[in-house]
Amino acid sequence: MDWSALVKTVIGLGAPLLGQALGGPLGESAGRLLAQALGAQPTPAAVSSAIATSDPALAATAAAQAEAQWAATLAQIAKSQVEQVGATQRAEAASGDLLQRWWRPLYALELSLIECPAFAFTMLRALWLGFEPGINGFATLSALLMTYFGARFGVLGVYVTGRTREKQAAATGLPTPSVVDQVVKAVIPKKK
């Protein structure tokens, strides 16, 4: 079923998260939540008809209700993913496998002590000698090189952040919340 025809309508009802989901690969799941909130059959045509024939305020309320359920579902999925990643990291930390324990530090050392200096030396040498094909090659590949090094340093940044959290958890005995945990905690109200 193609729910993408309802994207603008649902966003116009004040449910942008749900509206965007309708246009993506999870559109059918989001559409079912919206259909349930509207009391319609779970088809794009039935939901469209229900929106068109119902009071605009009621349609907006139903869309808001469906969006709240959608956000809660996404938060639950994110929580599950964070728990799985945490379990994997704990298993890695407890593992005696040297490759598992040393791949991230070796990655950081290789990038910062070998790859970046070699790249900088090659580029500076081409500039110093006025080697035109080398200079033109670097200029032509500049966007690719920025993307490449951005991705490489991004992985390194994730490693450093994760390792810091691991050290804090080991020092305090308490798990440190990830960025996802902090966002989910801020978005979803506490149950009383």
Protein backbone atom coordinates (compact mmCIF):
# COMPACT_ATOMS: atom_id res chain seq x y z
CA MET A 1 0.00 0.00 0.00
CA ASP A 2 1.26 3.45 -0.86
CA TRP A 3 0.69 5.88 1.99
CA SER A 4 2.82 8.65 0.50
CA ALA A 5 -0.22 10.53 -0.87
CA LEU A 6 -1.19 11.34 2.74
CA VAL A 7 2.15 12.85 3.76
CA LYS A 8 1.21 16.51 3.21
CA THR A 9 -2.26 16.07 4.67
CA VAL A 10 -0.99 14.49 7.90
CA ILE A 11 1.79 17.04 8.27
CA GLY A 12 -0.86 19.74 7.77
CA LEU A 13 -2.83 18.20 10.65
CA GLY A 14 0.15 18.90 12.91
CA ALA A 15 1.75 15.45 12.92
CA PRO A 16 5.05 15.91 11.02
CA LEU A 17 6.81 12.85 12.44
CA LEU A 18 3.94 10.59 11.46
CA GLY A 19 3.54 12.33 8.10
CA GLN A 20 7.18 11.80 7.18
CA ALA A 21 6.94 8.16 8.23
CA LEU A 22 4.03 7.64 5.84
CA GLY A 23 6.31 8.50 2.93
CA GLY A 24 9.05 6.07 3.98
CA PRO A 25 9.60 2.34 4.29
CA LEU A 26 7.57 2.20 7.53
CA GLY A 27 4.60 3.95 5.96
CA GLU A 28 2.24 1.02 6.34
CA SER A 29 2.95 0.72 10.08
CA ALA A 30 2.45 4.46 10.58
CA GLY A 31 -0.68 4.33 8.44
CA ARG A 32 -2.17 1.56 10.59
CA LEU A 33 -1.70 3.69 13.71
CA LEU A 34 -3.36 6.65 12.00
CA ALA A 35 -6.24 4.48 10.76
CA GLN A 36 -6.77 3.11 14.25
CA ALA A 37 -6.83 6.64 15.74
CA LEU A 38 -9.37 7.75 13.11
CA GLY A 39 -11.48 4.61 13.43
CA ALA A 40 -10.98 3.81 9.74
CA GLN A 41 -9.92 0.76 7.79
CA PRO A 42 -6.11 0.51 7.48
CA THR A 43 -5.94 1.56 3.82
CA PRO A 44 -4.74 4.87 2.39
CA ALA A 45 -8.12 5.48 0.71
CA ALA A 46 -10.12 4.85 3.90
CA VAL A 47 -7.85 7.07 5.99
CA SER A 48 -7.95 9.82 3.37
CA SER A 49 -11.75 9.63 3.30
CA ALA A 50 -11.95 9.66 7.12
CA ILE A 51 -9.78 12.78 7.28
CA ALA A 52 -11.80 14.52 4.57
CA THR A 53 -15.21 13.74 6.11
CA SER A 54 -14.44 14.28 9.79
CA ASP A 55 -14.30 17.51 11.76
CA PRO A 56 -10.84 19.11 11.23
CA ALA A 57 -10.30 19.41 15.00
CA LEU A 58 -11.10 15.72 15.51
CA ALA A 59 -8.84 14.73 12.63
CA ALA A 60 -6.01 16.81 14.12
CA THR A 61 -6.56 15.21 17.54
CA ALA A 62 -6.52 11.72 16.02
CA ALA A 63 -3.33 12.55 14.09
CA ALA A 64 -1.71 13.86 17.29
CA GLN A 65 -2.71 10.69 19.12
CA ALA A 66 -1.28 8.51 16.35
CA GLU A 67 1.90 10.58 16.29
CA ALA A 68 2.33 10.13 20.05
CA GLN A 69 1.96 6.37 19.62
CA TRP A 70 4.41 6.46 16.71
CA ALA A 71 6.97 8.40 18.78
CA ALA A 72 6.57 5.93 21.65
CA THR A 73 7.11 3.04 19.24
CA LEU A 74 10.24 4.66 17.81
CA ALA A 75 11.54 5.32 21.32
CA GLN A 76 11.00 1.69 22.25
CA ILE A 77 12.87 0.57 19.13
CA ALA A 78 15.73 2.97 19.93
CA LYS A 79 15.85 1.72 23.51
CA SER A 80 16.03 -1.86 22.30
CA GLN A 81 18.84 -0.99 19.88
CA VAL A 82 20.79 0.83 22.60
CA GLU A 83 20.38 -2.18 24.92
CA GLN A 84 21.66 -4.51 22.19
CA VAL A 85 24.65 -2.28 21.47
CA GLY A 86 25.37 -2.06 25.20
CA ALA A 87 25.22 -5.85 25.53
CA THR A 88 27.62 -6.19 22.62
CA GLN A 89 30.01 -3.64 24.14
CA ARG A 90 29.88 -5.39 27.52
CA ALA A 91 30.63 -8.71 25.81
CA GLU A 92 33.57 -7.09 24.00
CA ALA A 93 34.86 -5.57 27.22
CA ALA A 94 34.67 -8.92 29.00
CA SER A 95 36.18 -10.80 26.07
CA GLY A 96 39.74 -11.98 26.24
CA ASP A 97 40.13 -11.69 22.47
CA LEU A 98 43.01 -9.33 21.72
CA LEU A 99 41.68 -8.33 18.31
CA GLN A 100 38.34 -7.30 19.83
CA ARG A 101 40.05 -5.28 22.54
CA TRP A 102 42.70 -3.62 20.37
CA TRP A 103 41.05 -2.87 17.01
CA ARG A 104 39.79 0.57 18.06
CA PRO A 105 43.08 1.80 19.57
CA LEU A 106 44.97 0.45 16.54
CA TYR A 107 42.50 2.22 14.25
CA ALA A 108 43.13 5.51 16.08
CA LEU A 109 46.90 5.09 15.96
CA GLU A 110 46.93 4.15 12.28
CA LEU A 111 44.75 7.10 11.32
CA SER A 112 46.55 9.72 13.39
CA LEU A 113 50.16 8.51 13.14
CA ILE A 114 50.36 6.98 9.67
CA GLU A 115 47.54 7.90 7.31
CA CYS A 116 47.12 11.62 8.07
CA PRO A 117 50.87 12.41 8.20
CA ALA A 118 51.46 10.48 4.96
CA PHE A 119 48.63 12.35 3.25
CA ALA A 120 49.86 15.73 4.57
CA PHE A 121 53.47 14.98 3.56
CA THR A 122 52.43 13.97 0.03
CA MET A 123 50.27 17.07 -0.43
CA LEU A 124 52.86 19.47 1.02
CA ARG A 125 55.62 17.92 -1.09
CA ALA A 126 53.54 18.39 -4.26
CA LEU A 127 52.93 22.03 -3.28
CA TRP A 128 56.59 22.65 -2.35
CA LEU A 129 57.91 21.20 -5.62
CA GLY A 130 55.13 22.75 -7.70
CA PHE A 131 54.23 19.31 -9.06
CA GLU A 132 51.20 20.35 -11.10
CA PRO A 133 49.66 16.88 -11.72
CA GLY A 134 49.79 16.17 -7.97
CA ILE A 135 48.26 19.54 -7.06
CA ASN A 136 45.50 19.09 -9.66
CA GLY A 137 44.87 15.56 -8.41
CA PHE A 138 44.41 16.78 -4.85
CA ALA A 139 42.13 19.58 -6.04
CA THR A 140 40.04 17.19 -8.12
CA LEU A 141 39.69 14.71 -5.27
CA SER A 142 39.19 17.28 -2.51
CA ALA A 143 35.48 16.52 -1.95
CA LEU A 144 36.14 12.77 -1.88
CA LEU A 145 39.08 13.22 0.49
CA MET A 146 37.05 15.43 2.85
CA THR A 147 34.25 12.86 2.90
CA TYR A 148 36.72 10.03 3.46
CA PHE A 149 38.56 11.71 6.31
CA GLY A 150 35.30 13.01 7.78
CA ALA A 151 33.96 9.47 7.95
CA ARG A 152 37.23 8.11 9.35
CA PHE A 153 37.43 10.78 12.06
CA GLY A 154 33.70 10.34 12.74
CA VAL A 155 34.32 6.68 13.58
CA LEU A 156 37.24 7.74 15.76
CA GLY A 157 35.02 10.29 17.54
CA VAL A 158 32.39 7.64 18.23
CA TYR A 159 35.12 5.39 19.62
CA VAL A 160 36.49 8.11 21.90
CA THR A 161 33.01 8.98 23.17
CA GLY A 162 32.13 5.35 23.74
CA ARG A 163 35.42 4.62 25.48
CA THR A 164 34.90 7.62 27.76
CA ARG A 165 31.46 6.31 28.70
CA GLU A 166 32.96 2.85 29.35
CA LYS A 167 35.59 4.34 31.67
CA GLN A 168 33.00 6.43 33.52
CA ALA A 169 30.79 3.37 33.99
CA ALA A 170 33.75 1.32 35.26
CA ALA A 171 34.77 4.09 37.69
CA THR A 172 31.32 4.79 39.10
CA GLY A 173 29.71 1.37 38.70
CA LEU A 174 26.72 3.05 37.08
CA PRO A 175 25.87 2.98 33.38
CA THR A 176 26.28 6.37 31.73
CA PRO A 177 23.36 7.36 29.50
CA SER A 178 24.03 7.62 25.79
CA VAL A 179 22.92 10.56 23.68
CA VAL A 180 19.95 8.49 22.47
CA ASP A 181 18.99 7.68 26.08
CA GLN A 182 19.14 11.36 27.00
CA VAL A 183 16.98 12.39 24.02
CA VAL A 184 14.43 9.65 24.70
CA LYS A 185 14.30 10.63 28.37
CA ALA A 186 13.71 14.27 27.43
CA VAL A 187 11.01 13.49 24.85
CA ILE A 188 8.99 10.86 26.68
CA PRO A 189 7.37 12.02 29.92
CA LYS A 190 7.93 9.98 33.07
CA LYS A 191 5.11 7.70 34.16
CA LYS A 192 3.70 8.48 37.57
